[in-house]
PDB file of all heavy atoms in Angstrom:
ATOM      1  N   VAL A   1      29.949  15.859 -18.390  1.00  0.00           N
ATOM      2  CA  VAL A   1      29.673  16.602 -17.176  1.00  0.00           C
ATOM      3  C   VAL A   1      28.221  16.382 -16.775  1.00  0.00           C
ATOM      4  O   VAL A   1      27.300  16.498 -17.559  1.00  0.00           O
ATOM      5  CB  VAL A   1      29.892  18.107 -17.426  1.00  0.00           C
ATOM      6  CG1 VAL A   1      29.563  18.914 -16.140  1.00  0.00           C
ATOM      7  CG2 VAL A   1      31.329  18.390 -17.779  1.00  0.00           C
ATOM      8  N   ARG A   2      28.066  16.046 -15.478  1.00  0.00           N
ATOM      9  CA  ARG A   2      26.699  15.853 -14.948  1.00  0.00           C
ATOM     10  C   ARG A   2      26.542  16.735 -13.706  1.00  0.00           C
ATOM     11  O   ARG A   2      27.483  16.808 -12.883  1.00  0.00           O
ATOM     12  CB  ARG A   2      26.474  14.372 -14.569  1.00  0.00           C
ATOM     13  CG  ARG A   2      26.513  13.424 -15.796  1.00  0.00           C
ATOM     14  CD  ARG A   2      25.263  13.560 -16.597  1.00  0.00           C
ATOM     15  NE  ARG A   2      25.212  12.633 -17.723  1.00  0.00           N
ATOM     16  CZ  ARG A   2      25.367  13.006 -19.006  1.00  0.00           C
ATOM     17  NH1 ARG A   2      25.701  14.270 -19.266  1.00  0.00           N
ATOM     18  NH2 ARG A   2      25.260  12.151 -19.968  1.00  0.00           N
ATOM     19  N   HIS A   3      25.388  17.340 -13.549  1.00  0.00           N
ATOM     20  CA  HIS A   3      25.050  18.152 -12.395  1.00  0.00           C
ATOM     21  C   HIS A   3      23.880  17.409 -11.681  1.00  0.00           C
ATOM     22  O   HIS A   3      22.815  17.255 -12.279  1.00  0.00           O
ATOM     23  CB  HIS A   3      24.610  19.532 -12.769  1.00  0.00           C
ATOM     24  CG  HIS A   3      25.702  20.311 -13.444  1.00  0.00           C
ATOM     25  ND1 HIS A   3      26.599  21.099 -12.779  1.00  0.00           N
ATOM     26  CD2 HIS A   3      26.044  20.427 -14.787  1.00  0.00           C
ATOM     27  CE1 HIS A   3      27.429  21.663 -13.588  1.00  0.00           C
ATOM     28  NE2 HIS A   3      27.080  21.277 -14.799  1.00  0.00           N
ATOM     29  N   LEU A   4      24.201  16.915 -10.500  1.00  0.00           N
ATOM     30  CA  LEU A   4      23.177  16.193  -9.677  1.00  0.00           C
ATOM     31  C   LEU A   4      22.671  17.120  -8.619  1.00  0.00           C
ATOM     32  O   LEU A   4      23.431  17.485  -7.691  1.00  0.00           O
ATOM     33  CB  LEU A   4      23.782  14.903  -9.088  1.00  0.00           C
ATOM     34  CG  LEU A   4      22.907  14.099  -8.207  1.00  0.00           C
ATOM     35  CD1 LEU A   4      21.638  13.682  -8.925  1.00  0.00           C
ATOM     36  CD2 LEU A   4      23.684  12.823  -7.720  1.00  0.00           C
ATOM     37  N   ILE A   5      21.419  17.474  -8.734  1.00  0.00           N
ATOM     38  CA  ILE A   5      20.825  18.397  -7.790  1.00  0.00           C
ATOM     39  C   ILE A   5      19.864  17.643  -6.844  1.00  0.00           C
ATOM     40  O   ILE A   5      18.879  16.939  -7.341  1.00  0.00           O
ATOM     41  CB  ILE A   5      20.010  19.539  -8.515  1.00  0.00           C
ATOM     42  CG1 ILE A   5      20.945  20.206  -9.476  1.00  0.00           C
ATOM     43  CG2 ILE A   5      19.386  20.488  -7.530  1.00  0.00           C
ATOM     44  CD1 ILE A   5      20.262  21.292 -10.317  1.00  0.00           C
ATOM     45  N   VAL A   6      20.094  17.659  -5.563  1.00  0.00           N
ATOM     46  CA  VAL A   6      19.409  16.875  -4.589  1.00  0.00           C
ATOM     47  C   VAL A   6      18.468  17.786  -3.769  1.00  0.00           C
ATOM     48  O   VAL A   6      18.920  18.820  -3.274  1.00  0.00           O
ATOM     49  CB  VAL A   6      20.345  16.191  -3.634  1.00  0.00           C
ATOM     50  CG1 VAL A   6      19.620  15.353  -2.648  1.00  0.00           C
ATOM     51  CG2 VAL A   6      21.373  15.290  -4.457  1.00  0.00           C
ATOM     52  N   SER A   7      17.201  17.390  -3.722  1.00  0.00           N
ATOM     53  CA  SER A   7      16.237  18.126  -2.962  1.00  0.00           C
ATOM     54  C   SER A   7      15.508  17.170  -2.042  1.00  0.00           C
ATOM     55  O   SER A   7      15.392  15.966  -2.287  1.00  0.00           O
ATOM     56  CB  SER A   7      15.222  18.817  -3.851  1.00  0.00           C
ATOM     57  OG  SER A   7      15.888  19.795  -4.708  1.00  0.00           O
ATOM     58  N   VAL A   8      14.977  17.664  -0.912  1.00  0.00           N
ATOM     59  CA  VAL A   8      14.201  16.852   0.026  1.00  0.00           C
ATOM     60  C   VAL A   8      12.780  17.416   0.041  1.00  0.00           C
ATOM     61  O   VAL A   8      12.568  18.597   0.278  1.00  0.00           O
ATOM     62  CB  VAL A   8      14.796  16.921   1.432  1.00  0.00           C
ATOM     63  CG1 VAL A   8      13.953  16.066   2.402  1.00  0.00           C
ATOM     64  CG2 VAL A   8      16.222  16.373   1.438  1.00  0.00           C
ATOM     65  N   LYS A   9      11.801  16.539  -0.280  1.00  0.00           N
ATOM     66  CA  LYS A   9      10.434  16.986  -0.419  1.00  0.00           C
ATOM     67  C   LYS A   9       9.512  16.298   0.576  1.00  0.00           C
ATOM     68  O   LYS A   9       9.793  15.200   1.060  1.00  0.00           O
ATOM     69  CB  LYS A   9       9.943  16.646  -1.853  1.00  0.00           C
ATOM     70  CG  LYS A   9      10.815  17.147  -2.975  1.00  0.00           C
ATOM     71  CD  LYS A   9      10.779  18.626  -3.110  1.00  0.00           C
ATOM     72  CE  LYS A   9      11.478  19.080  -4.382  1.00  0.00           C
ATOM     73  NZ  LYS A   9      11.463  20.563  -4.539  1.00  0.00           N
ATOM     74  N   ASP A  10       8.442  16.948   0.887  1.00  0.00           N
ATOM     75  CA  ASP A  10       7.392  16.331   1.669  1.00  0.00           C
ATOM     76  C   ASP A  10       6.544  15.435   0.726  1.00  0.00           C
ATOM     77  O   ASP A  10       5.825  15.991  -0.108  1.00  0.00           O
ATOM     78  CB  ASP A  10       6.538  17.382   2.343  1.00  0.00           C
ATOM     79  CG  ASP A  10       7.197  18.054   3.499  1.00  0.00           C
ATOM     80  OD1 ASP A  10       7.817  17.391   4.285  1.00  0.00           O
ATOM     81  OD2 ASP A  10       7.191  19.353   3.596  1.00  0.00           O
ATOM     82  N   GLN A  11       6.694  14.154   0.839  1.00  0.00           N
ATOM     83  CA  GLN A  11       5.886  13.273   0.026  1.00  0.00           C
ATOM     84  C   GLN A  11       5.658  11.943   0.757  1.00  0.00           C
ATOM     85  O   GLN A  11       6.300  11.669   1.704  1.00  0.00           O
ATOM     86  CB  GLN A  11       6.675  13.002  -1.295  1.00  0.00           C
ATOM     87  CG  GLN A  11       8.098  12.476  -1.127  1.00  0.00           C
ATOM     88  CD  GLN A  11       8.787  12.278  -2.463  1.00  0.00           C
ATOM     89  OE1 GLN A  11       8.349  11.610  -3.330  1.00  0.00           O
ATOM     90  NE2 GLN A  11       9.950  12.956  -2.629  1.00  0.00           N
ATOM     91  N   ASP A  12       4.705  11.257   0.215  1.00  0.00           N
ATOM     92  CA  ASP A  12       4.317   9.932   0.847  1.00  0.00           C
ATOM     93  C   ASP A  12       5.448   8.953   0.751  1.00  0.00           C
ATOM     94  O   ASP A  12       5.895   8.653  -0.388  1.00  0.00           O
ATOM     95  CB  ASP A  12       3.047   9.436   0.103  1.00  0.00           C
ATOM     96  CG  ASP A  12       2.622   8.061   0.615  1.00  0.00           C
ATOM     97  OD1 ASP A  12       3.083   7.714   1.723  1.00  0.00           O
ATOM     98  OD2 ASP A  12       1.886   7.377  -0.099  1.00  0.00           O
ATOM     99  N   PRO A  13       5.983   8.484   1.871  1.00  0.00           N
ATOM    100  CA  PRO A  13       7.122   7.516   1.798  1.00  0.00           C
ATOM    101  C   PRO A  13       6.798   6.275   0.981  1.00  0.00           C
ATOM    102  O   PRO A  13       7.681   5.759   0.272  1.00  0.00           O
ATOM    103  CB  PRO A  13       7.371   7.152   3.235  1.00  0.00           C
ATOM    104  CG  PRO A  13       6.829   8.324   4.004  1.00  0.00           C
ATOM    105  CD  PRO A  13       5.648   8.776   3.224  1.00  0.00           C
ATOM    106  N   GLU A  14       5.553   5.817   0.974  1.00  0.00           N
ATOM    107  CA  GLU A  14       5.200   4.615   0.221  1.00  0.00           C
ATOM    108  C   GLU A  14       5.277   4.867  -1.288  1.00  0.00           C
ATOM    109  O   GLU A  14       5.836   4.053  -2.028  1.00  0.00           O
ATOM    110  CB  GLU A  14       3.836   4.106   0.621  1.00  0.00           C
ATOM    111  CG  GLU A  14       3.737   3.569   2.032  1.00  0.00           C
ATOM    112  CD  GLU A  14       2.405   2.907   2.306  1.00  0.00           C
ATOM    113  OE1 GLU A  14       1.605   2.796   1.377  1.00  0.00           O
ATOM    114  OE2 GLU A  14       2.143   2.556   3.471  1.00  0.00           O
ATOM    115  N   SER A  15       4.814   6.014  -1.715  1.00  0.00           N
ATOM    116  CA  SER A  15       4.846   6.318  -3.176  1.00  0.00           C
ATOM    117  C   SER A  15       6.308   6.535  -3.552  1.00  0.00           C
ATOM    118  O   SER A  15       6.723   6.282  -4.646  1.00  0.00           O
ATOM    119  CB  SER A  15       4.001   7.585  -3.461  1.00  0.00           C
ATOM    120  OG  SER A  15       4.524   8.700  -2.780  1.00  0.00           O
ATOM    121  N   PHE A  16       7.090   7.069  -2.644  1.00  0.00           N
ATOM    122  CA  PHE A  16       8.508   7.273  -2.865  1.00  0.00           C
ATOM    123  C   PHE A  16       9.232   5.947  -3.113  1.00  0.00           C
ATOM    124  O   PHE A  16      10.038   5.762  -4.030  1.00  0.00           O
ATOM    125  CB  PHE A  16       9.125   8.033  -1.738  1.00  0.00           C
ATOM    126  CG  PHE A  16      10.699   8.074  -1.749  1.00  0.00           C
ATOM    127  CD1 PHE A  16      11.274   9.012  -2.623  1.00  0.00           C
ATOM    128  CD2 PHE A  16      11.395   7.285  -0.944  1.00  0.00           C
ATOM    129  CE1 PHE A  16      12.691   9.023  -2.672  1.00  0.00           C
ATOM    130  CE2 PHE A  16      12.795   7.301  -0.996  1.00  0.00           C
ATOM    131  CZ  PHE A  16      13.401   8.223  -1.864  1.00  0.00           C
ATOM    132  N   GLN A  17       8.909   4.926  -2.278  1.00  0.00           N
ATOM    133  CA  GLN A  17       9.488   3.657  -2.426  1.00  0.00           C
ATOM    134  C   GLN A  17       9.097   2.949  -3.700  1.00  0.00           C
ATOM    135  O   GLN A  17       9.802   2.170  -4.283  1.00  0.00           O
ATOM    136  CB  GLN A  17       9.108   2.740  -1.245  1.00  0.00           C
ATOM    137  CG  GLN A  17       9.771   3.147   0.068  1.00  0.00           C
ATOM    138  CD  GLN A  17      11.247   3.058   0.042  1.00  0.00           C
ATOM    139  OE1 GLN A  17      11.790   2.205  -0.662  1.00  0.00           O
ATOM    140  NE2 GLN A  17      11.924   3.948   0.783  1.00  0.00           N
ATOM    141  N   ARG A  18       7.889   3.246  -4.277  1.00  0.00           N
ATOM    142  CA  ARG A  18       7.464   2.679  -5.495  1.00  0.00           C
ATOM    143  C   ARG A  18       8.103   3.407  -6.686  1.00  0.00           C
ATOM    144  O   ARG A  18       8.146   2.782  -7.801  1.00  0.00           O
ATOM    145  CB  ARG A  18       5.905   2.714  -5.654  1.00  0.00           C
ATOM    146  CG  ARG A  18       5.221   1.878  -4.655  1.00  0.00           C
ATOM    147  CD  ARG A  18       3.716   1.737  -5.047  1.00  0.00           C
ATOM    148  NE  ARG A  18       3.066   3.051  -4.967  1.00  0.00           N
ATOM    149  CZ  ARG A  18       2.424   3.560  -3.925  1.00  0.00           C
ATOM    150  NH1 ARG A  18       2.435   2.831  -2.740  1.00  0.00           N
ATOM    151  NH2 ARG A  18       1.835   4.684  -3.942  1.00  0.00           N
ATOM    152  N   ALA A  19       8.607   4.593  -6.539  1.00  0.00           N
ATOM    153  CA  ALA A  19       9.212   5.304  -7.613  1.00  0.00           C
ATOM    154  C   ALA A  19      10.553   4.708  -8.000  1.00  0.00           C
ATOM    155  O   ALA A  19      11.158   4.025  -7.207  1.00  0.00           O
ATOM    156  CB  ALA A  19       9.416   6.790  -7.235  1.00  0.00           C
ATOM    157  N   PRO A  20      11.054   4.935  -9.229  1.00  0.00           N
ATOM    158  CA  PRO A  20      12.319   4.388  -9.657  1.00  0.00           C
ATOM    159  C   PRO A  20      13.377   4.845  -8.676  1.00  0.00           C
ATOM    160  O   PRO A  20      13.468   6.017  -8.267  1.00  0.00           O
ATOM    161  CB  PRO A  20      12.557   5.036 -10.993  1.00  0.00           C
ATOM    162  CG  PRO A  20      11.134   5.231 -11.543  1.00  0.00           C
ATOM    163  CD  PRO A  20      10.329   5.609 -10.345  1.00  0.00           C
ATOM    164  N   PHE A  21      14.301   3.890  -8.236  1.00  0.00           N
ATOM    165  CA  PHE A  21      15.276   4.197  -7.267  1.00  0.00           C
ATOM    166  C   PHE A  21      16.431   5.111  -7.782  1.00  0.00           C
ATOM    167  O   PHE A  21      16.935   5.906  -7.066  1.00  0.00           O
ATOM    168  CB  PHE A  21      15.877   2.859  -6.779  1.00  0.00           C
ATOM    169  CG  PHE A  21      16.566   3.005  -5.427  1.00  0.00           C
ATOM    170  CD1 PHE A  21      15.874   3.031  -4.189  1.00  0.00           C
ATOM    171  CD2 PHE A  21      17.926   3.102  -5.337  1.00  0.00           C
ATOM    172  CE1 PHE A  21      16.554   3.144  -3.046  1.00  0.00           C
ATOM    173  CE2 PHE A  21      18.644   3.264  -4.142  1.00  0.00           C
ATOM    174  CZ  PHE A  21      17.874   3.274  -2.991  1.00  0.00           C
ATOM    175  N   ALA A  22      16.760   4.928  -9.049  1.00  0.00           N
ATOM    176  CA  ALA A  22      17.807   5.680  -9.659  1.00  0.00           C
ATOM    177  C   ALA A  22      17.368   6.262 -11.005  1.00  0.00           C
ATOM    178  O   ALA A  22      17.839   5.862 -12.046  1.00  0.00           O
ATOM    179  CB  ALA A  22      19.084   4.734  -9.856  1.00  0.00           C
ATOM    180  N   PRO A  23      16.456   7.196 -10.957  1.00  0.00           N
ATOM    181  CA  PRO A  23      15.926   7.787 -12.245  1.00  0.00           C
ATOM    182  C   PRO A  23      17.008   8.687 -12.915  1.00  0.00           C
ATOM    183  O   PRO A  23      17.808   9.319 -12.240  1.00  0.00           O
ATOM    184  CB  PRO A  23      14.720   8.657 -11.779  1.00  0.00           C
ATOM    185  CG  PRO A  23      15.121   9.034 -10.383  1.00  0.00           C
ATOM    186  CD  PRO A  23      15.817   7.861  -9.814  1.00  0.00           C
ATOM    187  N   LEU A  24      16.994   8.609 -14.218  1.00  0.00           N
ATOM    188  CA  LEU A  24      17.930   9.454 -14.966  1.00  0.00           C
ATOM    189  C   LEU A  24      17.122  10.472 -15.785  1.00  0.00           C
ATOM    190  O   LEU A  24      16.718  10.179 -16.953  1.00  0.00           O
ATOM    191  CB  LEU A  24      18.799   8.626 -15.889  1.00  0.00           C
ATOM    192  CG  LEU A  24      19.865   7.801 -15.211  1.00  0.00           C
ATOM    193  CD1 LEU A  24      20.679   7.038 -16.192  1.00  0.00           C
ATOM    194  CD2 LEU A  24      20.775   8.690 -14.359  1.00  0.00           C
ATOM    195  N   THR A  25      16.720  11.601 -15.168  1.00  0.00           N
ATOM    196  CA  THR A  25      15.926  12.608 -15.868  1.00  0.00           C
ATOM    197  C   THR A  25      16.892  13.677 -16.308  1.00  0.00           C
ATOM    198  O   THR A  25      16.909  14.782 -15.806  1.00  0.00           O
ATOM    199  CB  THR A  25      14.896  13.166 -14.944  1.00  0.00           C
ATOM    200  OG1 THR A  25      15.589  13.593 -13.707  1.00  0.00           O
ATOM    201  CG2 THR A  25      13.877  12.080 -14.553  1.00  0.00           C
ATOM    202  N   LEU A  26      17.719  13.333 -17.331  1.00  0.00           N
ATOM    203  CA  LEU A  26      18.701  14.271 -17.896  1.00  0.00           C
ATOM    204  C   LEU A  26      18.004  15.259 -18.815  1.00  0.00           C
ATOM    205  O   LEU A  26      17.212  14.906 -19.664  1.00  0.00           O
ATOM    206  CB  LEU A  26      19.771  13.507 -18.657  1.00  0.00           C
ATOM    207  CG  LEU A  26      20.762  12.693 -17.792  1.00  0.00           C
ATOM    208  CD1 LEU A  26      21.585  11.869 -18.764  1.00  0.00           C
ATOM    209  CD2 LEU A  26      21.720  13.625 -17.072  1.00  0.00           C
ATOM    210  N   ASP A  27      18.355  16.522 -18.664  1.00  0.00           N
ATOM    211  CA  ASP A  27      17.933  17.487 -19.612  1.00  0.00           C
ATOM    212  C   ASP A  27      19.111  17.805 -20.570  1.00  0.00           C
ATOM    213  O   ASP A  27      20.112  17.191 -20.496  1.00  0.00           O
ATOM    214  CB  ASP A  27      17.401  18.794 -18.895  1.00  0.00           C
ATOM    215  CG  ASP A  27      18.507  19.582 -18.148  1.00  0.00           C
ATOM    216  OD1 ASP A  27      19.734  19.214 -18.354  1.00  0.00           O
ATOM    217  OD2 ASP A  27      18.181  20.513 -17.474  1.00  0.00           O
ATOM    218  N   GLY A  28      18.861  18.774 -21.416  1.00  0.00           N
ATOM    219  CA  GLY A  28      19.963  19.098 -22.389  1.00  0.00           C
ATOM    220  C   GLY A  28      21.268  19.536 -21.772  1.00  0.00           C
ATOM    221  O   GLY A  28      22.302  19.522 -22.426  1.00  0.00           O
ATOM    222  N   GLY A  29      21.193  20.039 -20.539  1.00  0.00           N
ATOM    223  CA  GLY A  29      22.468  20.483 -19.865  1.00  0.00           C
ATOM    224  C   GLY A  29      23.118  19.521 -18.986  1.00  0.00           C
ATOM    225  O   GLY A  29      24.051  19.891 -18.230  1.00  0.00           O
ATOM    226  N   GLY A  30      22.710  18.257 -19.013  1.00  0.00           N
ATOM    227  CA  GLY A  30      23.280  17.239 -18.206  1.00  0.00           C
ATOM    228  C   GLY A  30      22.876  17.358 -16.783  1.00  0.00           C
ATOM    229  O   GLY A  30      23.674  16.974 -15.904  1.00  0.00           O
ATOM    230  N   ILE A  31      21.713  17.826 -16.496  1.00  0.00           N
ATOM    231  CA  ILE A  31      21.249  18.011 -15.098  1.00  0.00           C
ATOM    232  C   ILE A  31      20.365  16.776 -14.753  1.00  0.00           C
ATOM    233  O   ILE A  31      19.485  16.377 -15.474  1.00  0.00           O
ATOM    234  CB  ILE A  31      20.428  19.291 -14.927  1.00  0.00           C
ATOM    235  CG1 ILE A  31      21.288  20.518 -15.229  1.00  0.00           C
ATOM    236  CG2 ILE A  31      19.874  19.334 -13.502  1.00  0.00           C
ATOM    237  CD1 ILE A  31      20.545  21.829 -15.186  1.00  0.00           C
ATOM    238  N   VAL A  32      20.710  16.193 -13.582  1.00  0.00           N
ATOM    239  CA  VAL A  32      19.914  15.109 -12.991  1.00  0.00           C
ATOM    240  C   VAL A  32      19.322  15.623 -11.631  1.00  0.00           C
ATOM    241  O   VAL A  32      20.105  16.113 -10.835  1.00  0.00           O
ATOM    242  CB  VAL A  32      20.829  13.866 -12.728  1.00  0.00           C
ATOM    243  CG1 VAL A  32      19.961  12.682 -12.216  1.00  0.00           C
ATOM    244  CG2 VAL A  32      21.572  13.442 -13.966  1.00  0.00           C
ATOM    245  N   ARG A  33      18.050  15.460 -11.600  1.00  0.00           N
ATOM    246  CA  ARG A  33      17.393  15.920 -10.317  1.00  0.00           C
ATOM    247  C   ARG A  33      16.973  14.700  -9.469  1.00  0.00           C
ATOM    248  O   ARG A  33      16.371  13.795  -9.999  1.00  0.00           O
ATOM    249  CB  ARG A  33      16.170  16.782 -10.640  1.00  0.00           C
ATOM    250  CG  ARG A  33      16.538  17.996 -11.462  1.00  0.00           C
ATOM    251  CD  ARG A  33      15.364  18.989 -11.649  1.00  0.00           C
ATOM    252  NE  ARG A  33      15.760  20.139 -12.459  1.00  0.00           N
ATOM    253  CZ  ARG A  33      16.417  21.189 -12.026  1.00  0.00           C
ATOM    254  NH1 ARG A  33      16.705  21.271 -10.686  1.00  0.00           N
ATOM    255  NH2 ARG A  33      16.712  22.153 -12.797  1.00  0.00           N
ATOM    256  N   CYS A  34      17.321  14.810  -8.237  1.00  0.00           N
ATOM    257  CA  CYS A  34      17.044  13.669  -7.253  1.00  0.00           C
ATOM    258  C   CYS A  34      16.195  14.245  -6.134  1.00  0.00           C
ATOM    259  O   CYS A  34      16.683  15.045  -5.352  1.00  0.00           O
ATOM    260  CB  CYS A  34      18.332  13.059  -6.773  1.00  0.00           C
ATOM    261  SG  CYS A  34      18.046  11.824  -5.472  1.00  0.00           S
ATOM    262  N   ASP A  35      14.915  13.853  -6.098  1.00  0.00           N
ATOM    263  CA  ASP A  35      14.042  14.315  -5.054  1.00  0.00           C
ATOM    264  C   ASP A  35      13.912  13.171  -3.967  1.00  0.00           C
ATOM    265  O   ASP A  35      13.511  12.086  -4.315  1.00  0.00           O
ATOM    266  CB  ASP A  35      12.656  14.591  -5.604  1.00  0.00           C
ATOM    267  CG  ASP A  35      12.597  15.855  -6.454  1.00  0.00           C
ATOM    268  OD1 ASP A  35      13.531  16.693  -6.276  1.00  0.00           O
ATOM    269  OD2 ASP A  35      11.783  15.977  -7.369  1.00  0.00           O
ATOM    270  N   LEU A  36      14.287  13.530  -2.788  1.00  0.00           N
ATOM    271  CA  LEU A  36      14.226  12.577  -1.632  1.00  0.00           C
ATOM    272  C   LEU A  36      13.095  12.905  -0.724  1.00  0.00           C
ATOM    273  O   LEU A  36      12.736  14.083  -0.600  1.00  0.00           O
ATOM    274  CB  LEU A  36      15.561  12.665  -0.907  1.00  0.00           C
ATOM    275  CG  LEU A  36      16.814  12.354  -1.678  1.00  0.00           C
ATOM    276  CD1 LEU A  36      18.071  12.727  -0.873  1.00  0.00           C
ATOM    277  CD2 LEU A  36      16.878  10.929  -2.143  1.00  0.00           C
ATOM    278  N   PRO A  37      12.547  11.902  -0.035  1.00  0.00           N
ATOM    279  CA  PRO A  37      11.395  12.216   0.896  1.00  0.00           C
ATOM    280  C   PRO A  37      11.994  12.689   2.243  1.00  0.00           C
ATOM    281  O   PRO A  37      13.111  12.379   2.632  1.00  0.00           O
ATOM    282  CB  PRO A  37      10.763  10.821   1.054  1.00  0.00           C
ATOM    283  CG  PRO A  37      11.881   9.876   0.978  1.00  0.00           C
ATOM    284  CD  PRO A  37      12.811  10.432  -0.082  1.00  0.00           C
ATOM    285  N   ARG A  38      11.214  13.446   2.886  1.00  0.00           N
ATOM    286  CA  ARG A  38      11.542  13.917   4.261  1.00  0.00           C
ATOM    287  C   ARG A  38      11.190  12.815   5.223  1.00  0.00           C
ATOM    288  O   ARG A  38       9.974  12.572   5.509  1.00  0.00           O
ATOM    289  CB  ARG A  38      10.815  15.204   4.586  1.00  0.00           C
ATOM    290  CG  ARG A  38      11.330  15.900   5.905  1.00  0.00           C
ATOM    291  CD  ARG A  38      10.405  17.020   6.245  1.00  0.00           C
ATOM    292  NE  ARG A  38      10.188  17.984   5.177  1.00  0.00           N
ATOM    293  CZ  ARG A  38      10.925  19.072   4.998  1.00  0.00           C
ATOM    294  NH1 ARG A  38      11.901  19.378   5.832  1.00  0.00           N
ATOM    295  NH2 ARG A  38      10.668  19.891   4.023  1.00  0.00           N
ATOM    296  N   ILE A  39      12.175  12.130   5.723  1.00  0.00           N
ATOM    297  CA  ILE A  39      11.959  10.973   6.632  1.00  0.00           C
ATOM    298  C   ILE A  39      12.669  11.215   7.946  1.00  0.00           C
ATOM    299  O   ILE A  39      13.774  11.851   7.934  1.00  0.00           O
ATOM    300  CB  ILE A  39      12.340   9.672   6.022  1.00  0.00           C
ATOM    301  CG1 ILE A  39      13.700   9.679   5.526  1.00  0.00           C
ATOM    302  CG2 ILE A  39      11.401   9.235   4.916  1.00  0.00           C
ATOM    303  CD1 ILE A  39      14.254   8.324   4.971  1.00  0.00           C
ATOM    304  N   HIS A  40      12.125  10.787   9.026  1.00  0.00           N
ATOM    305  CA  HIS A  40      12.710  11.041  10.361  1.00  0.00           C
ATOM    306  C   HIS A  40      13.001   9.625  10.965  1.00  0.00           C
ATOM    307  O   HIS A  40      12.311   9.142  11.801  1.00  0.00           O
ATOM    308  CB  HIS A  40      11.783  11.789  11.222  1.00  0.00           C
ATOM    309  CG  HIS A  40      11.397  13.166  10.667  1.00  0.00           C
ATOM    310  ND1 HIS A  40      12.210  14.234  10.641  1.00  0.00           N
ATOM    311  CD2 HIS A  40      10.308  13.516  10.007  1.00  0.00           C
ATOM    312  CE1 HIS A  40      11.615  15.222  10.039  1.00  0.00           C
ATOM    313  NE2 HIS A  40      10.405  14.885   9.618  1.00  0.00           N
ATOM    314  N   GLU A  41      14.046   9.084  10.441  1.00  0.00           N
ATOM    315  CA  GLU A  41      14.508   7.741  10.942  1.00  0.00           C
ATOM    316  C   GLU A  41      16.040   7.782  11.195  1.00  0.00           C
ATOM    317  O   GLU A  41      16.744   8.620  10.616  1.00  0.00           O
ATOM    318  CB  GLU A  41      14.206   6.644   9.866  1.00  0.00           C
ATOM    319  CG  GLU A  41      12.731   6.498   9.617  1.00  0.00           C
ATOM    320  CD  GLU A  41      12.456   5.461   8.530  1.00  0.00           C
ATOM    321  OE1 GLU A  41      13.429   4.858   8.057  1.00  0.00           O
ATOM    322  OE2 GLU A  41      11.326   5.287   8.124  1.00  0.00           O
ATOM    323  N   TYR A  42      16.438   6.875  12.005  1.00  0.00           N
ATOM    324  CA  TYR A  42      17.921   6.733  12.266  1.00  0.00           C
ATOM    325  C   TYR A  42      18.698   6.528  10.989  1.00  0.00           C
ATOM    326  O   TYR A  42      19.827   7.125  10.856  1.00  0.00           O
ATOM    327  CB  TYR A  42      18.146   5.596  13.226  1.00  0.00           C
ATOM    328  CG  TYR A  42      19.632   5.276  13.435  1.00  0.00           C
ATOM    329  CD1 TYR A  42      20.397   6.028  14.319  1.00  0.00           C
ATOM    330  CD2 TYR A  42      20.224   4.236  12.727  1.00  0.00           C
ATOM    331  CE1 TYR A  42      21.782   5.740  14.456  1.00  0.00           C
ATOM    332  CE2 TYR A  42      21.586   3.941  12.907  1.00  0.00           C
ATOM    333  CZ  TYR A  42      22.350   4.722  13.790  1.00  0.00           C
ATOM    334  OH  TYR A  42      23.676   4.452  13.953  1.00  0.00           O
TER     335      TYR A  42
END
């Protein structure tokens, strides 16, 4: 069982692009957190 929690954050798009694209930050409860940048593009 995996819980994928998606959030949208205000962050620098360039630093976001340099970050791992598919990070696996699993904790003991099988939770994966995915932080996305706030971008205003088509």
